[in-house]
């Protein structure tokens, strides 16, 4: 799955790379986003939650995917997100938040997700939030554009790796 990111970032960075983690609760849309970006199509998978902490070292950027329609678990998504950002290995990582599943009824808009995740509490960290619909591919490339330009500015001499 990392091939598309490697190609996309290598055209921007040259030989420099960035280690990027794509994280979020199960069923938030992480795999759908990766497949949409890589192949332009969507595949079905069985959701699972990996041991994230194993991938933290040497990471410069995080893409955190939130299911905007899952209002029952937005509090859990907030707790997980802030716990991730407190990790020593991720202190300097920039954060891109995808407020995913915007096409579903009752989905929170970007402002509501920003408030629910308490993004205003993020100090000394570059972050942005983008409304997305992974199955349609909406908002993904705009978010990736922000991510790549921010990595260039704040993340010199970094490595590309996605999980």
Protein backbone atom coordinates (compact mmCIF):
# COMPACT_ATOMS: atom_id res chain seq x y z
CA UNK A 1 0.00 0.00 0.00
CA UNK A 2 2.92 2.31 0.50
CA UNK A 3 3.87 2.39 -3.17
CA UNK A 4 1.52 5.24 -4.03
CA UNK A 5 2.78 7.30 -1.10
CA UNK A 6 6.37 6.56 -2.05
CA UNK A 7 5.75 7.72 -5.62
CA UNK A 8 3.72 10.75 -4.57
CA UNK A 9 6.21 11.92 -1.94
CA UNK A 10 9.31 11.08 -3.98
CA UNK A 11 8.14 13.51 -6.64
CA UNK A 12 7.91 16.16 -3.92
CA UNK A 13 10.88 15.25 -1.72
CA UNK A 14 13.33 13.76 -4.20
CA UNK A 15 15.30 11.21 -2.19
CA UNK A 16 13.89 12.34 1.15
CA UNK A 17 11.19 10.16 2.65
CA UNK A 18 8.61 10.48 5.42
CA UNK A 19 7.32 7.86 7.85
CA UNK A 20 3.56 8.32 8.02
CA UNK A 21 1.16 6.40 10.24
CA UNK A 22 -2.48 6.01 9.27
CA UNK A 23 -4.43 5.44 12.48
CA UNK A 24 -8.01 5.49 13.71
CA UNK A 25 -10.62 3.33 15.40
CA UNK A 26 -11.80 0.18 13.70
CA UNK A 27 -14.23 0.80 10.83
CA UNK A 28 -13.22 4.47 10.52
CA UNK A 29 -12.13 4.02 6.90
CA UNK A 30 -8.33 3.66 7.06
CA UNK A 31 -8.07 0.76 4.64
CA UNK A 32 -10.63 2.27 2.29
CA UNK A 33 -8.62 5.49 2.18
CA UNK A 34 -5.37 3.66 1.46
CA UNK A 35 -6.95 1.61 -1.32
CA UNK A 36 -8.67 4.67 -2.79
CA UNK A 37 -5.38 6.58 -2.88
CA UNK A 38 -3.40 3.66 -4.27
CA UNK A 39 -5.74 1.99 -6.74
CA UNK A 40 -8.67 4.33 -7.17
CA UNK A 41 -11.04 1.66 -5.96
CA UNK A 42 -12.52 0.37 -2.72
CA UNK A 43 -12.18 -3.13 -1.28
CA UNK A 44 -13.90 -4.75 1.67
CA UNK A 45 -11.84 -5.89 4.65
CA UNK A 46 -12.41 -7.23 8.12
CA UNK A 47 -11.66 -4.39 10.55
CA UNK A 48 -8.96 -4.92 13.18
CA UNK A 49 -6.97 -2.68 15.51
CA UNK A 50 -3.18 -3.17 15.39
CA UNK A 51 -0.67 -2.59 18.13
CA UNK A 52 -0.02 1.01 17.13
CA UNK A 53 2.78 1.68 19.59
CA UNK A 54 5.11 -0.68 17.67
CA UNK A 55 5.07 1.75 14.73
CA UNK A 56 5.64 5.05 16.57
CA UNK A 57 9.45 5.39 16.44
CA UNK A 58 10.82 7.66 13.69
CA UNK A 59 7.36 8.84 12.61
CA UNK A 60 7.06 12.40 11.31
CA UNK A 61 3.38 12.48 10.34
CA UNK A 62 0.07 10.98 11.40
CA UNK A 63 -3.12 10.62 9.41
CA UNK A 64 -5.91 10.07 11.93
CA UNK A 65 -9.18 8.83 10.43
CA UNK A 66 -12.43 9.51 12.27
CA UNK A 67 -15.82 8.01 11.41
CA UNK A 68 -17.86 11.22 11.49
CA UNK A 69 -21.11 9.28 11.57
CA UNK A 70 -20.20 7.24 14.66
CA UNK A 71 -21.21 9.78 17.27
CA UNK A 72 -21.37 7.08 19.95
CA UNK A 73 -17.61 6.50 19.70
CA UNK A 74 -16.35 10.03 18.97
CA UNK A 75 -15.29 10.30 22.63
CA UNK A 76 -13.19 7.14 22.31
CA UNK A 77 -11.69 8.50 19.08
CA UNK A 78 -10.73 11.69 20.98
CA UNK A 79 -9.14 9.77 23.85
CA UNK A 80 -7.13 7.56 21.49
CA UNK A 81 -6.01 10.53 19.40
CA UNK A 82 -4.77 12.54 22.37
CA UNK A 83 -3.09 9.45 23.87
CA UNK A 84 -1.23 8.94 20.59
CA UNK A 85 -0.08 12.54 20.51
CA UNK A 86 1.29 12.25 24.06
CA UNK A 87 3.71 9.49 23.04
CA UNK A 88 7.33 10.65 23.16
CA UNK A 89 8.07 9.19 19.71
CA UNK A 90 5.29 11.32 18.17
CA UNK A 91 5.94 14.66 19.90
CA UNK A 92 7.03 16.38 16.68
CA UNK A 93 4.70 14.61 14.25
CA UNK A 94 2.29 16.69 12.22
CA UNK A 95 -1.35 15.54 12.25
CA UNK A 96 -3.83 15.31 9.42
CA UNK A 97 -7.34 14.41 10.54
CA UNK A 98 -9.79 12.97 8.03
CA UNK A 99 -13.40 13.52 9.16
CA UNK A 100 -14.53 10.54 7.08
CA UNK A 101 -17.93 9.21 6.01
CA UNK A 102 -19.36 12.65 5.31
CA UNK A 103 -21.87 11.02 2.94
CA UNK A 104 -23.70 9.23 5.76
CA UNK A 105 -26.77 10.65 7.49
CA UNK A 106 -26.02 12.38 10.78
CA UNK A 107 -22.30 12.71 10.08
CA UNK A 108 -20.63 15.48 12.07
CA UNK A 109 -19.14 18.25 9.92
CA UNK A 110 -15.48 19.25 10.23
CA UNK A 111 -16.23 21.93 12.84
CA UNK A 112 -18.14 19.47 15.04
CA UNK A 113 -15.36 16.86 14.74
CA UNK A 114 -12.80 19.56 15.58
CA UNK A 115 -14.75 20.38 18.72
CA UNK A 116 -15.38 16.74 19.65
CA UNK A 117 -11.68 15.87 19.28
CA UNK A 118 -10.72 19.04 21.17
CA UNK A 119 -8.23 20.00 18.48
CA UNK A 120 -8.00 23.49 20.00
CA UNK A 121 -5.90 21.88 22.75
CA UNK A 122 -3.15 20.99 20.29
CA UNK A 123 -0.31 23.37 20.99
CA UNK A 124 3.05 23.45 19.21
CA UNK A 125 1.90 20.98 16.56
CA UNK A 126 0.89 21.49 12.93
CA UNK A 127 -2.52 19.95 12.22
CA UNK A 128 -5.43 20.21 9.81
CA UNK A 129 -8.81 18.55 9.40
CA UNK A 130 -10.48 17.69 6.11
CA UNK A 131 -13.98 16.40 5.41
CA UNK A 132 -13.73 13.17 3.42
CA UNK A 133 -15.77 10.43 1.86
CA UNK A 134 -13.31 7.61 1.23
CA UNK A 135 -15.65 5.50 -0.89
CA UNK A 136 -16.11 8.43 -3.31
CA UNK A 137 -12.55 9.74 -2.93
CA UNK A 138 -13.75 13.18 -1.83
CA UNK A 139 -11.36 15.33 0.21
CA UNK A 140 -8.53 12.79 0.27
CA UNK A 141 -6.19 14.44 -2.19
CA UNK A 142 -6.79 17.90 -0.72
CA UNK A 143 -5.73 16.52 2.67
CA UNK A 144 -2.72 14.78 1.18
CA UNK A 145 -1.69 18.02 -0.55
CA UNK A 146 -1.71 19.79 2.83
CA UNK A 147 0.15 16.88 4.40
CA UNK A 148 2.90 16.76 1.81
CA UNK A 149 3.47 20.52 1.79
CA UNK A 150 3.56 20.60 5.61
CA UNK A 151 6.03 17.70 5.74
CA UNK A 152 8.28 19.58 3.33
CA UNK A 153 8.22 22.66 5.55
CA UNK A 154 8.43 20.98 8.97
CA UNK A 155 9.78 17.50 8.31
CA UNK A 156 13.04 17.71 6.43
CA UNK A 157 15.10 14.55 5.93
CA UNK A 158 12.35 12.09 6.88
CA UNK A 159 11.37 8.58 5.59
CA UNK A 160 8.21 7.37 3.79
CA UNK A 161 6.50 4.36 5.29
CA UNK A 162 2.81 3.57 5.67
CA UNK A 163 1.06 0.89 7.66
